[in-house]
């Protein structure tokens, strides 16, 4: 059991305290309930841009990293389609430095044309390096826009188009900050050798006077039920042909999510999985193949992807994957496979919980999902999954009309 205490400031900031006196270090984690799905379709990439802007200094602290390094701390951040997370780890004796830094940029991030221009260039270069010039870099830009027609998961965290960041104005950026980066839209987790009363005192001191802002009311367009298979053929200068197959699956809080998670493990996670054993080891059709999903809050995508062995056609590779899917649909999944998936999940959760940083992040994420205590009950949901539930999800997901296929052809294929 992960022990924690929870309280809320009058400005709406939710605070979770996780005491752990086995370490001299503390973690301060601020998670904002904003991700790429909350962006204007004509102004995408803003959540990720803010991940960079938030390190550009605040009104009272021009250099974010310098005082943190003096206090022996380190920090980082990440953005997903669903959330944005900022975290600091430092010696617990210097914890107040983290409160000072995080509260000041929540209260008064420094906005200037210069800082925007600097970070805009950084993000644009990242876009070009990882998504335009890199082999297979545009795969998820293309697949998301194929699989989603209405929901904002149809673009990536980096943004839909480079020009959206290139054309971002200071007024656009300020409006996005005011809407999302406020106490009412955040969860603060403090973990380490700390007492709840001390954390409450520090939180009131540093965050209590920050205006609450308006709690963001998320009303996203719902993705319509897919009624026909969608296909896309891409030809690019890449070393090997690749195949990407996606099916819509339940969201993070929907019934069936845990069953689907274990279904992806059984199909294509690791060398002992069905797809690897059959398609890589035995038939030698793929150099690698895997099955996974993104853990999306809203309805996401179950994905099978792989690079083909030279000489194997994309049509033959797709047929081989479909044959493995049909085998599950016709013959089912046995108890031994399910138990193996449960054991792996239990080990993974236990391993993640060993890290103080991971515990702090997980508590924040579960709180955003609805209740931090789900961290303590999550494995019970996996342990309760039956082979019948796995089959129910497999039948529901692996329908032809729910399928999206992208053949990514190498221009040099066959040469």
Protein backbone atom coordinates (compact mmCIF):
# COMPACT_ATOMS: atom_id res chain seq x y z
CA UNK A 1 0.00 0.00 0.00
CA UNK A 2 1.21 3.48 -0.88
CA UNK A 3 0.34 5.76 2.03
CA UNK A 4 -0.61 9.37 1.38
CA UNK A 5 -2.67 12.25 2.70
CA UNK A 6 -4.74 14.61 0.61
CA UNK A 7 -5.94 18.17 1.13
CA UNK A 8 -7.08 21.06 -1.05
CA UNK A 9 -6.33 24.77 -0.84
CA UNK A 10 -9.09 27.35 -1.05
CA UNK A 11 -7.90 28.23 -4.57
CA UNK A 12 -8.59 24.68 -5.77
CA UNK A 13 -5.05 23.31 -5.77
CA UNK A 14 -5.19 19.61 -4.91
CA UNK A 15 -2.26 18.49 -2.75
CA UNK A 16 -1.07 14.96 -2.02
CA UNK A 17 1.60 14.18 0.59
CA UNK A 18 3.43 10.84 0.41
CA UNK A 19 5.78 10.37 3.40
CA UNK A 20 8.83 8.15 2.89
CA UNK A 21 11.55 8.45 5.53
CA UNK A 22 13.84 5.85 3.91
CA UNK A 23 15.40 8.46 1.60
CA UNK A 24 17.11 11.82 2.16
CA UNK A 25 15.61 13.16 -1.08
CA UNK A 26 12.23 14.71 -1.74
CA UNK A 27 10.16 15.05 -4.89
CA UNK A 28 7.84 17.90 -5.77
CA UNK A 29 5.58 17.11 -8.72
CA UNK A 30 3.14 19.50 -10.37
CA UNK A 31 0.76 17.94 -12.89
CA UNK A 32 -1.48 20.17 -14.98
CA UNK A 33 -4.72 18.81 -16.42
CA UNK A 34 -3.88 19.91 -19.95
CA UNK A 35 -2.48 18.06 -22.92
CA UNK A 36 -2.47 18.21 -26.68
CA UNK A 37 -6.13 17.11 -26.78
CA UNK A 38 -7.08 20.48 -25.23
CA UNK A 39 -5.66 22.57 -28.05
CA UNK A 40 -7.41 24.53 -30.78
CA UNK A 41 -7.19 22.43 -33.99
CA UNK A 42 -5.74 25.52 -35.72
CA UNK A 43 -3.24 26.17 -32.92
CA UNK A 44 -1.71 22.80 -32.01
CA UNK A 45 1.53 22.04 -30.20
CA UNK A 46 0.90 24.63 -27.47
CA UNK A 47 0.96 22.22 -24.50
CA UNK A 48 4.36 20.97 -25.63
CA UNK A 49 5.57 24.52 -26.34
CA UNK A 50 4.69 25.39 -22.74
CA UNK A 51 6.80 22.51 -21.49
CA UNK A 52 9.71 24.57 -22.88
CA UNK A 53 8.40 28.05 -22.00
CA UNK A 54 7.92 27.09 -18.34
CA UNK A 55 11.71 26.77 -18.01
CA UNK A 56 12.32 30.23 -19.47
CA UNK A 57 12.05 31.96 -16.11
CA UNK A 58 9.33 33.67 -14.14
CA UNK A 59 8.89 37.31 -13.22
CA UNK A 60 10.83 36.98 -9.95
CA UNK A 61 13.22 34.18 -10.98
CA UNK A 62 14.87 34.87 -14.35
CA UNK A 63 16.86 31.61 -14.33
CA UNK A 64 14.89 28.53 -13.24
CA UNK A 65 17.73 25.98 -13.28
CA UNK A 66 20.46 27.95 -11.53
CA UNK A 67 18.95 28.21 -8.01
CA UNK A 68 17.71 24.61 -8.24
CA UNK A 69 21.18 23.34 -9.08
CA UNK A 70 22.60 25.33 -6.16
CA UNK A 71 20.15 23.47 -3.93
CA UNK A 72 21.38 20.13 -5.29
CA UNK A 73 18.24 19.51 -7.33
CA UNK A 74 17.35 18.31 -10.79
CA UNK A 75 14.17 18.70 -12.79
CA UNK A 76 12.42 17.78 -15.99
CA UNK A 77 9.00 17.72 -17.62
CA UNK A 78 6.95 15.91 -20.21
CA UNK A 79 3.76 16.48 -22.17
CA UNK A 80 1.30 13.92 -23.51
CA UNK A 81 -2.00 14.20 -25.32
CA UNK A 82 -3.69 14.06 -21.89
CA UNK A 83 -1.52 15.95 -19.37
CA UNK A 84 1.59 18.01 -18.66
CA UNK A 85 3.94 17.11 -15.81
CA UNK A 86 6.77 19.02 -14.11
CA UNK A 87 8.93 17.40 -11.46
CA UNK A 88 11.82 18.27 -9.17
CA UNK A 89 14.00 15.99 -7.06
CA UNK A 90 16.31 17.53 -4.45
CA UNK A 91 17.61 16.99 -0.91
CA UNK A 92 14.65 17.20 1.46
CA UNK A 93 16.39 19.87 3.54
CA UNK A 94 16.12 22.18 0.52
CA UNK A 95 12.49 21.35 -0.31
CA UNK A 96 11.33 24.93 0.09
CA UNK A 97 13.43 25.90 -2.93
CA UNK A 98 11.20 23.69 -5.06
CA UNK A 99 8.06 25.31 -3.61
CA UNK A 100 9.50 28.75 -4.40
CA UNK A 101 10.37 27.85 -8.00
CA UNK A 102 7.14 26.06 -8.89
CA UNK A 103 4.81 28.56 -7.25
CA UNK A 104 6.48 31.54 -8.89
CA UNK A 105 6.10 30.24 -12.41
CA UNK A 106 2.50 29.20 -11.76
CA UNK A 107 1.81 32.72 -10.48
CA UNK A 108 3.83 34.77 -12.92
CA UNK A 109 5.57 33.07 -15.83
CA UNK A 110 7.75 35.57 -17.68
CA UNK A 111 6.31 36.19 -21.14
CA UNK A 112 8.35 38.07 -23.70
CA UNK A 113 8.76 38.07 -27.45
CA UNK A 114 12.38 37.03 -26.89
CA UNK A 115 11.60 33.97 -24.74
CA UNK A 116 8.82 32.91 -27.12
CA UNK A 117 11.13 33.23 -30.11
CA UNK A 118 13.88 31.21 -28.42
CA UNK A 119 11.58 28.34 -27.41
CA UNK A 120 9.70 28.45 -30.71
CA UNK A 121 12.99 27.84 -32.52
CA UNK A 122 13.83 24.95 -30.17
CA UNK A 123 10.44 23.29 -30.76
CA UNK A 124 10.56 23.85 -34.52
CA UNK A 125 14.00 22.25 -34.69
CA UNK A 126 12.70 19.32 -32.62
CA UNK A 127 9.76 18.98 -35.04
CA UNK A 128 12.09 18.90 -38.05
CA UNK A 129 14.67 16.59 -36.48
CA UNK A 130 12.32 13.96 -35.07
CA UNK A 131 9.22 14.12 -37.25
CA UNK A 132 10.24 15.41 -40.69
CA UNK A 133 13.86 14.39 -41.33
CA UNK A 134 13.98 11.17 -39.30
CA UNK A 135 13.14 7.86 -41.03
CA UNK A 136 9.58 6.79 -40.07
CA UNK A 137 9.29 10.08 -38.14
CA UNK A 138 5.93 10.98 -39.66
CA UNK A 139 4.32 7.60 -38.96
CA UNK A 140 2.14 8.76 -36.06
CA UNK A 141 1.26 12.05 -37.69
CA UNK A 142 -0.21 10.04 -40.55
CA UNK A 143 -1.70 7.21 -38.48
CA UNK A 144 -3.45 9.51 -36.01
CA UNK A 145 -5.04 11.53 -38.79
CA UNK A 146 -6.14 8.27 -40.43
CA UNK A 147 -7.62 6.67 -37.29
CA UNK A 148 -9.23 9.79 -35.76
CA UNK A 149 -11.59 12.07 -37.65
CA UNK A 150 -13.07 14.22 -34.84
CA UNK A 151 -11.27 13.66 -31.54
CA UNK A 152 -8.11 15.78 -30.94
CA UNK A 153 -6.04 12.62 -30.63
CA UNK A 154 -5.81 13.09 -34.39
CA UNK A 155 -2.66 15.17 -33.88
CA UNK A 156 0.54 14.45 -31.95
CA UNK A 157 1.79 16.26 -28.87
CA UNK A 158 4.43 18.09 -30.94
CA UNK A 159 1.57 19.57 -33.01
CA UNK A 160 -0.26 18.91 -36.24
CA UNK A 161 1.69 21.31 -38.41
CA UNK A 162 4.99 23.14 -38.01
CA UNK A 163 3.35 26.44 -38.95
CA UNK A 164 1.10 26.34 -35.85
CA UNK A 165 4.19 26.90 -33.67
CA UNK A 166 5.91 29.17 -36.18
CA UNK A 167 2.88 31.48 -36.18
CA UNK A 168 2.14 31.36 -32.42
CA UNK A 169 1.78 34.89 -31.05
CA UNK A 170 2.46 36.20 -27.57
CA UNK A 171 -1.28 36.82 -27.15
CA UNK A 172 -2.03 33.16 -28.11
CA UNK A 173 0.51 31.91 -25.58
CA UNK A 174 -0.73 34.16 -22.74
CA UNK A 175 -4.34 33.05 -23.33
CA UNK A 176 -3.37 29.37 -23.23
CA UNK A 177 -1.44 29.89 -19.99
CA UNK A 178 -4.29 31.75 -18.30
CA UNK A 179 -6.76 29.04 -19.28
CA UNK A 180 -4.81 26.00 -18.11
CA UNK A 181 -1.88 26.76 -15.78
CA UNK A 182 -3.64 27.65 -12.56
CA UNK A 183 -4.28 26.05 -9.13
CA UNK A 184 -7.79 24.91 -10.07
CA UNK A 185 -6.30 22.86 -12.91
CA UNK A 186 -3.33 21.31 -11.11
CA UNK A 187 -2.30 18.57 -8.70
CA UNK A 188 0.72 19.02 -6.44
CA UNK A 189 2.43 15.94 -4.97
CA UNK A 190 5.17 16.14 -2.37
CA UNK A 191 6.96 12.89 -1.56
CA UNK A 192 9.89 12.00 0.67
CA UNK A 193 10.87 12.45 4.34
CA UNK A 194 8.13 15.01 4.96
CA UNK A 195 5.28 15.50 7.40
CA UNK A 196 1.83 16.45 6.17
CA UNK A 197 1.57 19.44 8.53
CA UNK A 198 4.88 20.87 7.26
CA UNK A 199 3.84 20.39 3.63
CA UNK A 200 0.50 22.06 4.29
CA UNK A 201 2.29 25.04 5.83
CA UNK A 202 4.69 25.36 2.88
CA UNK A 203 1.89 24.92 0.36
CA UNK A 204 -0.22 27.64 1.95
CA UNK A 205 2.81 29.92 2.12
CA UNK A 206 3.86 29.55 -1.50
CA UNK A 207 0.69 28.59 -3.41
CA UNK A 208 -2.14 29.86 -1.20
CA UNK A 209 -2.22 33.41 -2.60
CA UNK A 210 -2.21 32.38 -6.27
CA UNK A 211 -5.60 33.16 -7.88
CA UNK A 212 -7.49 29.93 -8.49
CA UNK A 213 -8.29 30.52 -12.13
CA UNK A 214 -11.28 28.84 -13.74
CA UNK A 215 -11.52 25.06 -13.52
CA UNK A 216 -11.22 23.83 -17.08
CA UNK A 217 -14.42 22.21 -18.30
CA UNK A 218 -13.34 19.70 -20.90
CA UNK A 219 -15.89 19.17 -23.69
CA UNK A 220 -14.07 17.37 -26.45
CA UNK A 221 -15.65 16.10 -29.65
CA UNK A 222 -16.42 12.40 -29.42
CA UNK A 223 -14.85 10.17 -32.03
CA UNK A 224 -17.63 8.50 -34.06
CA UNK A 225 -17.75 4.72 -34.22
CA UNK A 226 -15.61 3.62 -37.14
CA UNK A 227 -17.76 1.84 -39.75
CA UNK A 228 -15.24 0.78 -42.39
CA UNK A 229 -11.58 -0.19 -42.55
CA UNK A 230 -9.23 2.63 -43.50
CA UNK A 231 -6.02 2.17 -45.43
CA UNK A 232 -3.06 4.34 -46.33
CA UNK A 233 0.04 3.61 -48.42
CA UNK A 234 3.11 5.76 -47.82
CA UNK A 235 6.32 5.61 -49.82
CA UNK A 236 9.42 7.10 -48.23
CA UNK A 237 13.19 6.91 -48.17
CA UNK A 238 13.47 4.39 -45.33
CA UNK A 239 15.59 1.22 -45.05
CA UNK A 240 12.79 -1.34 -44.61
CA UNK A 241 9.10 -1.73 -45.36
CA UNK A 242 7.01 -1.33 -42.23
CA UNK A 243 3.43 -2.21 -41.34
CA UNK A 244 1.20 -0.40 -38.85
CA UNK A 245 -2.24 -1.70 -37.85
CA UNK A 246 -4.46 0.09 -35.32
CA UNK A 247 -7.85 -0.59 -33.76
CA UNK A 248 -9.89 1.70 -31.47
CA UNK A 249 -9.92 0.47 -27.85
CA UNK A 250 -11.41 1.51 -24.46
CA UNK A 251 -10.13 4.60 -22.64
CA UNK A 252 -8.18 4.56 -19.39
CA UNK A 253 -11.23 4.58 -17.09
CA UNK A 254 -13.52 2.38 -19.20
CA UNK A 255 -14.45 -1.20 -18.43
CA UNK A 256 -12.22 -3.53 -20.40
CA UNK A 257 -9.11 -1.33 -20.35
CA UNK A 258 -7.11 -3.73 -18.14
CA UNK A 259 -8.16 -6.70 -20.26
CA UNK A 260 -6.95 -4.95 -23.42
CA UNK A 261 -3.69 -4.01 -21.73
CA UNK A 262 -2.98 -7.68 -21.01
CA UNK A 263 -4.15 -8.68 -24.48
CA UNK A 264 -1.40 -6.48 -25.96
CA UNK A 265 1.13 -8.20 -23.67
CA UNK A 266 0.04 -11.65 -24.79
CA UNK A 267 0.09 -10.68 -28.45
CA UNK A 268 3.23 -8.67 -28.77
CA UNK A 269 5.22 -7.68 -25.70
CA UNK A 270 8.63 -9.34 -25.57
CA UNK A 271 10.35 -12.30 -27.16
CA UNK A 272 7.92 -14.88 -25.73
CA UNK A 273 4.80 -13.14 -27.11
CA UNK A 274 2.65 -14.76 -29.78
CA UNK A 275 3.56 -12.38 -32.60
CA UNK A 276 7.31 -12.52 -31.95
CA UNK A 277 7.36 -16.30 -31.65
CA UNK A 278 5.36 -16.86 -34.83
CA UNK A 279 6.29 -13.98 -37.14
CA UNK A 280 9.89 -13.23 -36.15
CA UNK A 281 11.27 -16.49 -34.80
CA UNK A 282 9.40 -19.17 -36.76
CA UNK A 283 8.24 -17.61 -40.05
CA UNK A 284 10.96 -14.93 -40.22
CA UNK A 285 8.60 -12.41 -41.83
CA UNK A 286 9.46 -9.49 -39.54
CA UNK A 287 12.77 -8.30 -38.11
CA UNK A 288 10.72 -7.05 -35.15
CA UNK A 289 7.02 -6.83 -34.32
CA UNK A 290 5.18 -5.60 -31.25
CA UNK A 291 1.72 -4.89 -29.93
CA UNK A 292 1.06 -1.96 -27.58
CA UNK A 293 -1.22 0.95 -26.71
CA UNK A 294 -0.66 4.48 -25.37
CA UNK A 295 -2.64 4.35 -22.12
CA UNK A 296 -4.85 7.16 -23.42
CA UNK A 297 -7.41 8.72 -21.08
CA UNK A 298 -10.03 8.80 -23.84
CA UNK A 299 -10.60 5.97 -26.30
CA UNK A 300 -7.22 5.21 -27.83
CA UNK A 301 -5.52 2.81 -30.22
CA UNK A 302 -4.32 -0.77 -29.88
CA UNK A 303 -1.40 -1.01 -32.27
CA UNK A 304 0.54 -3.76 -33.99
CA UNK A 305 3.64 -2.57 -35.83
CA UNK A 306 6.70 -4.17 -37.30
CA UNK A 307 9.58 -3.86 -39.76
CA UNK A 308 9.58 -6.48 -42.49
CA UNK A 309 12.42 -8.77 -43.51
CA UNK A 310 13.62 -7.82 -47.00
CA UNK A 311 11.82 -9.78 -49.68
CA UNK A 312 8.62 -10.19 -47.67
CA UNK A 313 5.65 -8.32 -49.13
CA UNK A 314 3.48 -6.04 -47.03
CA UNK A 315 0.44 -8.03 -48.15
CA UNK A 316 1.95 -11.30 -46.88
CA UNK A 317 2.95 -9.62 -43.60
CA UNK A 318 -0.56 -8.27 -43.02
CA UNK A 319 -2.10 -11.67 -43.78
CA UNK A 320 0.24 -13.30 -41.26
CA UNK A 321 -0.77 -10.83 -38.53
CA UNK A 322 -4.43 -11.34 -39.36
CA UNK A 323 -3.92 -15.10 -39.10
CA UNK A 324 -2.56 -14.67 -35.53
CA UNK A 325 -5.54 -12.48 -34.63
CA UNK A 326 -7.95 -15.02 -36.11
CA UNK A 327 -6.25 -17.73 -34.07
CA UNK A 328 -7.09 -15.85 -30.87
CA UNK A 329 -10.65 -15.19 -32.01
CA UNK A 330 -11.21 -18.85 -32.90
CA UNK A 331 -9.19 -20.68 -30.24
CA UNK A 332 -9.14 -18.17 -27.39
CA UNK A 333 -6.51 -17.48 -24.76
CA UNK A 334 -5.63 -20.03 -22.10
CA UNK A 335 -5.34 -19.49 -18.36
CA UNK A 336 -1.55 -19.95 -18.41
CA UNK A 337 -1.12 -17.05 -20.86
CA UNK A 338 -3.38 -14.84 -18.82
CA UNK A 339 -1.58 -15.70 -15.57
CA UNK A 340 1.76 -14.93 -17.19
CA UNK A 341 0.43 -11.51 -18.23
CA UNK A 342 -0.85 -10.88 -14.70
CA UNK A 343 2.52 -11.84 -13.21
CA UNK A 344 4.30 -9.48 -15.58
CA UNK A 345 1.90 -6.65 -14.73
CA UNK A 346 2.33 -7.23 -11.00
CA UNK A 347 6.13 -7.17 -11.35
CA UNK A 348 6.03 -4.02 -13.48
CA UNK A 349 3.81 -2.17 -10.98
CA UNK A 350 6.02 -3.27 -8.07
CA UNK A 351 9.18 -2.18 -9.91
CA UNK A 352 7.73 1.22 -10.77
CA UNK A 353 6.67 1.77 -7.16
CA UNK A 354 10.27 1.34 -5.99
CA UNK A 355 11.13 4.81 -7.28
CA UNK A 356 10.04 7.81 -5.20
CA UNK A 357 9.71 9.85 -8.39
CA UNK A 358 7.46 7.26 -10.02
CA UNK A 359 5.26 7.07 -6.93
CA UNK A 360 4.81 10.85 -6.91
CA UNK A 361 3.98 10.92 -10.62
CA UNK A 362 1.53 8.01 -10.33
CA UNK A 363 -0.30 9.61 -7.41
CA UNK A 364 -0.69 12.83 -9.42
CA UNK A 365 -1.91 10.94 -12.49
CA UNK A 366 -4.47 8.86 -10.60
CA UNK A 367 -5.71 12.01 -8.88
CA UNK A 368 -6.25 13.59 -12.30
CA UNK A 369 -8.11 10.46 -13.35
CA UNK A 370 -10.40 10.80 -10.34
CA UNK A 371 -8.82 9.36 -7.20
CA UNK A 372 -5.18 9.01 -6.11
CA UNK A 373 -6.07 5.84 -4.19
CA UNK A 374 -6.57 4.00 -7.48
CA UNK A 375 -2.81 3.57 -7.30
CA UNK A 376 -3.43 1.07 -4.49
CA UNK A 377 -6.29 -0.74 -6.20
CA UNK A 378 -5.00 -0.84 -9.78
CA UNK A 379 -3.50 -4.32 -9.68
CA UNK A 380 -6.72 -5.74 -8.21
CA UNK A 381 -8.44 -4.70 -11.44
CA UNK A 382 -5.85 -6.63 -13.45
CA UNK A 383 -6.03 -9.64 -11.12
CA UNK A 384 -9.80 -9.83 -11.64
CA UNK A 385 -9.59 -10.09 -15.45
CA UNK A 386 -10.80 -13.42 -16.86
CA UNK A 387 -10.08 -15.19 -20.14
CA UNK A 388 -13.72 -14.56 -21.06
CA UNK A 389 -13.18 -10.80 -20.66
CA UNK A 390 -10.06 -10.99 -22.81
CA UNK A 391 -12.05 -12.71 -25.53
CA UNK A 392 -14.89 -10.23 -25.23
CA UNK A 393 -12.46 -7.37 -25.86
CA UNK A 394 -10.67 -9.21 -28.67
CA UNK A 395 -13.97 -9.82 -30.49
CA UNK A 396 -15.05 -6.22 -30.01
CA UNK A 397 -11.74 -4.65 -31.06
CA UNK A 398 -10.48 -6.85 -33.88
CA UNK A 399 -13.37 -6.11 -36.23
CA UNK A 400 -12.53 -5.33 -39.84
CA UNK A 401 -14.55 -2.10 -39.73
CA UNK A 402 -12.54 -0.96 -36.67
CA UNK A 403 -9.18 -1.39 -38.39
CA UNK A 404 -6.70 1.21 -39.68
CA UNK A 405 -3.78 -0.01 -41.77
CA UNK A 406 -0.75 1.91 -43.01
CA UNK A 407 1.73 0.30 -45.35
CA UNK A 408 4.99 2.23 -45.12
CA UNK A 409 6.93 1.29 -48.22
CA UNK A 410 10.66 1.80 -48.67
CA UNK A 411 11.47 3.46 -52.00
CA UNK A 412 14.45 1.14 -52.34
CA UNK A 413 12.40 -2.00 -51.56
CA UNK A 414 13.34 -4.86 -53.83
CA UNK A 415 16.42 -3.12 -55.22
